[in-house]
Amino acid sequence: MPRYFFHVHDGQEFPDREGTVLADREAARTESMMAAAEMLRDAALNLWTGEEWTMQVVDEKGRSVCLLTFSAKIEVPALTSP
């Protein structure tokens, strides 16, 4: 079975040097969503900066499987005059 690598960038680079053995590209995409959900849950308090973070999944040959992109910011309502 092939190995897939889940590289994260959130202002810093976190390359996946070990990878994960999965059945196929679809399994890698599914795994990326589950991993991202866990990371978002764990980083909930630090996520609201508006800074973008990404997870790029590549196969053993470095071919891109998918790219997940996330950002969140708190919108401040505009003041309206009477």
N, C-alpha and C. Protein backbone atom coordinates (compact mmCIF):
# COMPACT_ATOMS: atom_id res chain seq x y z
N MET A 1 0.85 -1.19 0.00
CA MET A 1 0.00 0.00 0.00
C MET A 1 0.89 1.25 0.00
N PRO A 2 0.41 2.32 -0.61
CA PRO A 2 1.21 3.54 -0.71
C PRO A 2 1.25 4.33 0.60
N ARG A 3 2.26 5.18 0.70
CA ARG A 3 2.44 6.05 1.86
C ARG A 3 2.11 7.48 1.42
N TYR A 4 1.40 8.20 2.30
CA TYR A 4 1.00 9.58 2.04
C TYR A 4 1.55 10.47 3.14
N PHE A 5 1.87 11.70 2.76
CA PHE A 5 2.49 12.65 3.68
C PHE A 5 1.57 13.87 3.84
N PHE A 6 1.40 14.30 5.08
CA PHE A 6 0.45 15.36 5.44
C PHE A 6 1.26 16.55 5.97
N HIS A 7 1.61 17.46 5.08
CA HIS A 7 2.44 18.62 5.43
C HIS A 7 1.54 19.78 5.86
N VAL A 8 1.86 20.37 7.01
CA VAL A 8 1.07 21.47 7.55
C VAL A 8 1.90 22.74 7.56
N HIS A 9 1.25 23.84 7.20
CA HIS A 9 1.86 25.17 7.27
C HIS A 9 0.88 26.09 7.98
N ASP A 10 1.32 26.67 9.10
CA ASP A 10 0.47 27.61 9.84
C ASP A 10 1.28 28.82 10.30
N GLY A 11 2.08 29.33 9.40
CA GLY A 11 3.04 30.37 9.75
C GLY A 11 4.41 29.74 9.95
N GLN A 12 4.41 28.46 10.25
CA GLN A 12 5.62 27.64 10.35
C GLN A 12 5.38 26.40 9.50
N GLU A 13 6.46 25.80 9.07
CA GLU A 13 6.37 24.57 8.29
C GLU A 13 6.46 23.36 9.20
N PHE A 14 5.56 22.42 9.03
CA PHE A 14 5.58 21.17 9.75
C PHE A 14 5.52 20.03 8.74
N PRO A 15 6.66 19.69 8.16
CA PRO A 15 6.66 18.61 7.17
C PRO A 15 6.43 17.26 7.84
N ASP A 16 5.69 16.42 7.19
CA ASP A 16 5.45 15.06 7.64
C ASP A 16 6.55 14.19 7.06
N ARG A 17 7.48 13.78 7.87
CA ARG A 17 8.63 13.01 7.38
C ARG A 17 8.38 11.50 7.43
N GLU A 18 7.36 11.07 8.18
CA GLU A 18 7.09 9.64 8.31
C GLU A 18 6.01 9.16 7.35
N GLY A 19 4.98 9.97 7.18
CA GLY A 19 3.88 9.58 6.33
C GLY A 19 3.00 8.53 6.98
N THR A 20 1.94 8.19 6.27
CA THR A 20 0.97 7.21 6.74
C THR A 20 0.63 6.28 5.58
N VAL A 21 0.66 4.99 5.85
CA VAL A 21 0.32 4.01 4.82
C VAL A 21 -1.20 3.90 4.77
N LEU A 22 -1.74 4.13 3.57
CA LEU A 22 -3.19 4.08 3.37
C LEU A 22 -3.49 3.34 2.07
N ALA A 23 -4.72 2.91 1.94
CA ALA A 23 -5.11 2.08 0.79
C ALA A 23 -4.97 2.79 -0.55
N ASP A 24 -5.39 4.08 -0.60
CA ASP A 24 -5.40 4.79 -1.87
C ASP A 24 -5.57 6.28 -1.64
N ARG A 25 -5.66 7.03 -2.75
CA ARG A 25 -5.78 8.49 -2.68
C ARG A 25 -7.06 8.92 -1.97
N GLU A 26 -8.13 8.20 -2.18
CA GLU A 26 -9.40 8.53 -1.51
C GLU A 26 -9.27 8.37 0.00
N ALA A 27 -8.59 7.31 0.43
CA ALA A 27 -8.35 7.12 1.87
C ALA A 27 -7.49 8.25 2.43
N ALA A 28 -6.53 8.73 1.63
CA ALA A 28 -5.68 9.84 2.07
C ALA A 28 -6.50 11.12 2.21
N ARG A 29 -7.41 11.36 1.28
CA ARG A 29 -8.28 12.55 1.39
C ARG A 29 -9.17 12.46 2.63
N THR A 30 -9.72 11.28 2.87
CA THR A 30 -10.56 11.09 4.06
C THR A 30 -9.74 11.32 5.33
N GLU A 31 -8.54 10.77 5.37
CA GLU A 31 -7.66 10.94 6.53
C GLU A 31 -7.31 12.41 6.74
N SER A 32 -7.11 13.15 5.64
CA SER A 32 -6.77 14.57 5.77
C SER A 32 -7.91 15.34 6.44
N MET A 33 -9.14 15.01 6.11
CA MET A 33 -10.28 15.70 6.73
C MET A 33 -10.37 15.37 8.21
N MET A 34 -10.16 14.13 8.57
CA MET A 34 -10.22 13.74 9.99
C MET A 34 -9.07 14.38 10.78
N ALA A 35 -7.88 14.40 10.20
CA ALA A 35 -6.74 15.02 10.87
C ALA A 35 -6.95 16.53 11.02
N ALA A 36 -7.46 17.17 9.98
CA ALA A 36 -7.71 18.61 10.03
C ALA A 36 -8.77 18.94 11.08
N ALA A 37 -9.82 18.14 11.15
CA ALA A 37 -10.86 18.38 12.15
C ALA A 37 -10.28 18.31 13.56
N GLU A 38 -9.42 17.34 13.80
CA GLU A 38 -8.79 17.21 15.12
C GLU A 38 -7.88 18.40 15.40
N MET A 39 -7.11 18.83 14.40
CA MET A 39 -6.22 19.98 14.58
C MET A 39 -7.02 21.25 14.83
N LEU A 40 -8.12 21.44 14.11
CA LEU A 40 -8.96 22.62 14.31
C LEU A 40 -9.57 22.63 15.71
N ARG A 41 -10.01 21.47 16.17
CA ARG A 41 -10.58 21.38 17.51
C ARG A 41 -9.52 21.72 18.56
N ASP A 42 -8.32 21.21 18.39
CA ASP A 42 -7.24 21.44 19.36
C ASP A 42 -6.75 22.89 19.34
N ALA A 43 -6.86 23.56 18.19
CA ALA A 43 -6.34 24.92 18.04
C ALA A 43 -7.43 25.97 18.08
N ALA A 44 -8.61 25.62 18.54
CA ALA A 44 -9.77 26.52 18.45
C ALA A 44 -9.50 27.91 19.01
N LEU A 45 -8.81 28.03 20.11
CA LEU A 45 -8.58 29.34 20.71
C LEU A 45 -7.56 30.16 19.93
N ASN A 46 -6.67 29.53 19.20
CA ASN A 46 -5.62 30.23 18.47
C ASN A 46 -5.95 30.42 17.00
N LEU A 47 -7.09 29.97 16.56
CA LEU A 47 -7.42 29.97 15.14
C LEU A 47 -7.94 31.32 14.65
N TRP A 48 -8.44 32.15 15.51
CA TRP A 48 -9.18 33.35 15.11
C TRP A 48 -8.31 34.54 14.74
N THR A 49 -7.12 34.32 14.25
CA THR A 49 -6.22 35.40 13.89
C THR A 49 -6.42 35.89 12.46
N GLY A 50 -7.13 35.11 11.65
CA GLY A 50 -7.29 35.45 10.25
C GLY A 50 -6.17 34.91 9.39
N GLU A 51 -5.12 34.37 10.04
CA GLU A 51 -4.01 33.78 9.30
C GLU A 51 -4.45 32.45 8.68
N GLU A 52 -4.02 32.21 7.49
CA GLU A 52 -4.37 30.98 6.79
C GLU A 52 -3.42 29.87 7.19
N TRP A 53 -3.95 28.66 7.31
CA TRP A 53 -3.09 27.50 7.45
C TRP A 53 -3.54 26.45 6.46
N THR A 54 -2.58 25.62 6.05
CA THR A 54 -2.87 24.64 5.03
C THR A 54 -2.36 23.26 5.43
N MET A 55 -2.98 22.26 4.84
CA MET A 55 -2.48 20.90 4.92
C MET A 55 -2.41 20.40 3.48
N GLN A 56 -1.21 20.08 3.04
CA GLN A 56 -1.06 19.52 1.70
C GLN A 56 -0.71 18.05 1.85
N VAL A 57 -1.47 17.23 1.14
CA VAL A 57 -1.24 15.79 1.15
C VAL A 57 -0.58 15.42 -0.17
N VAL A 58 0.54 14.70 -0.06
CA VAL A 58 1.24 14.24 -1.25
C VAL A 58 1.50 12.74 -1.14
N ASP A 59 1.67 12.12 -2.29
CA ASP A 59 1.98 10.69 -2.28
C ASP A 59 3.49 10.48 -2.21
N GLU A 60 3.92 9.24 -2.29
CA GLU A 60 5.34 8.89 -2.16
C GLU A 60 6.22 9.54 -3.22
N LYS A 61 5.63 9.87 -4.35
CA LYS A 61 6.39 10.49 -5.44
C LYS A 61 6.30 12.01 -5.40
N GLY A 62 5.66 12.55 -4.35
CA GLY A 62 5.53 13.99 -4.21
C GLY A 62 4.39 14.59 -4.99
N ARG A 63 3.54 13.75 -5.58
CA ARG A 63 2.38 14.25 -6.34
C ARG A 63 1.28 14.67 -5.37
N SER A 64 0.72 15.83 -5.62
CA SER A 64 -0.33 16.36 -4.75
C SER A 64 -1.59 15.51 -4.82
N VAL A 65 -2.15 15.21 -3.66
CA VAL A 65 -3.41 14.48 -3.55
C VAL A 65 -4.54 15.46 -3.26
N CYS A 66 -4.29 16.38 -2.33
CA CYS A 66 -5.28 17.42 -2.02
C CYS A 66 -4.61 18.51 -1.20
N LEU A 67 -5.28 19.65 -1.13
CA LEU A 67 -4.81 20.79 -0.36
C LEU A 67 -6.00 21.32 0.42
N LEU A 68 -5.87 21.32 1.74
CA LEU A 68 -6.90 21.90 2.60
C LEU A 68 -6.41 23.25 3.07
N THR A 69 -7.28 24.25 3.03
CA THR A 69 -6.92 25.61 3.44
C THR A 69 -7.96 26.11 4.43
N PHE A 70 -7.48 26.64 5.56
CA PHE A 70 -8.37 27.12 6.60
C PHE A 70 -7.93 28.48 7.10
N SER A 71 -8.90 29.30 7.44
CA SER A 71 -8.64 30.55 8.16
C SER A 71 -9.94 30.96 8.85
N ALA A 72 -9.80 31.72 9.89
CA ALA A 72 -10.97 32.20 10.61
C ALA A 72 -10.63 33.55 11.22
N LYS A 73 -11.59 34.43 11.22
CA LYS A 73 -11.38 35.71 11.88
C LYS A 73 -12.70 36.18 12.46
N ILE A 74 -12.58 36.97 13.48
CA ILE A 74 -13.76 37.52 14.14
C ILE A 74 -14.11 38.82 13.42
N GLU A 75 -15.34 38.90 12.98
CA GLU A 75 -15.82 40.12 12.30
C GLU A 75 -16.40 41.06 13.37
N VAL A 76 -15.96 42.29 13.32
CA VAL A 76 -16.48 43.31 14.22
C VAL A 76 -17.53 44.10 13.46
N PRO A 77 -18.77 44.16 14.00
CA PRO A 77 -19.80 44.89 13.28
C PRO A 77 -19.46 46.36 13.14
N ALA A 78 -19.77 46.91 11.99
CA ALA A 78 -19.53 48.33 11.74
C ALA A 78 -20.52 49.15 12.56
N LEU A 79 -20.03 50.26 13.07
CA LEU A 79 -20.91 51.16 13.81
C LEU A 79 -21.74 51.97 12.82
N THR A 80 -23.00 52.05 13.08
CA THR A 80 -23.87 52.85 12.21
C THR A 80 -24.31 54.09 12.95
N SER A 81 -24.42 55.16 12.24
CA SER A 81 -24.85 56.41 12.87
C SER A 81 -26.38 56.47 12.84
N PRO A 82 -26.97 57.10 13.87
CA PRO A 82 -28.44 57.17 13.94
C PRO A 82 -29.08 58.00 12.85
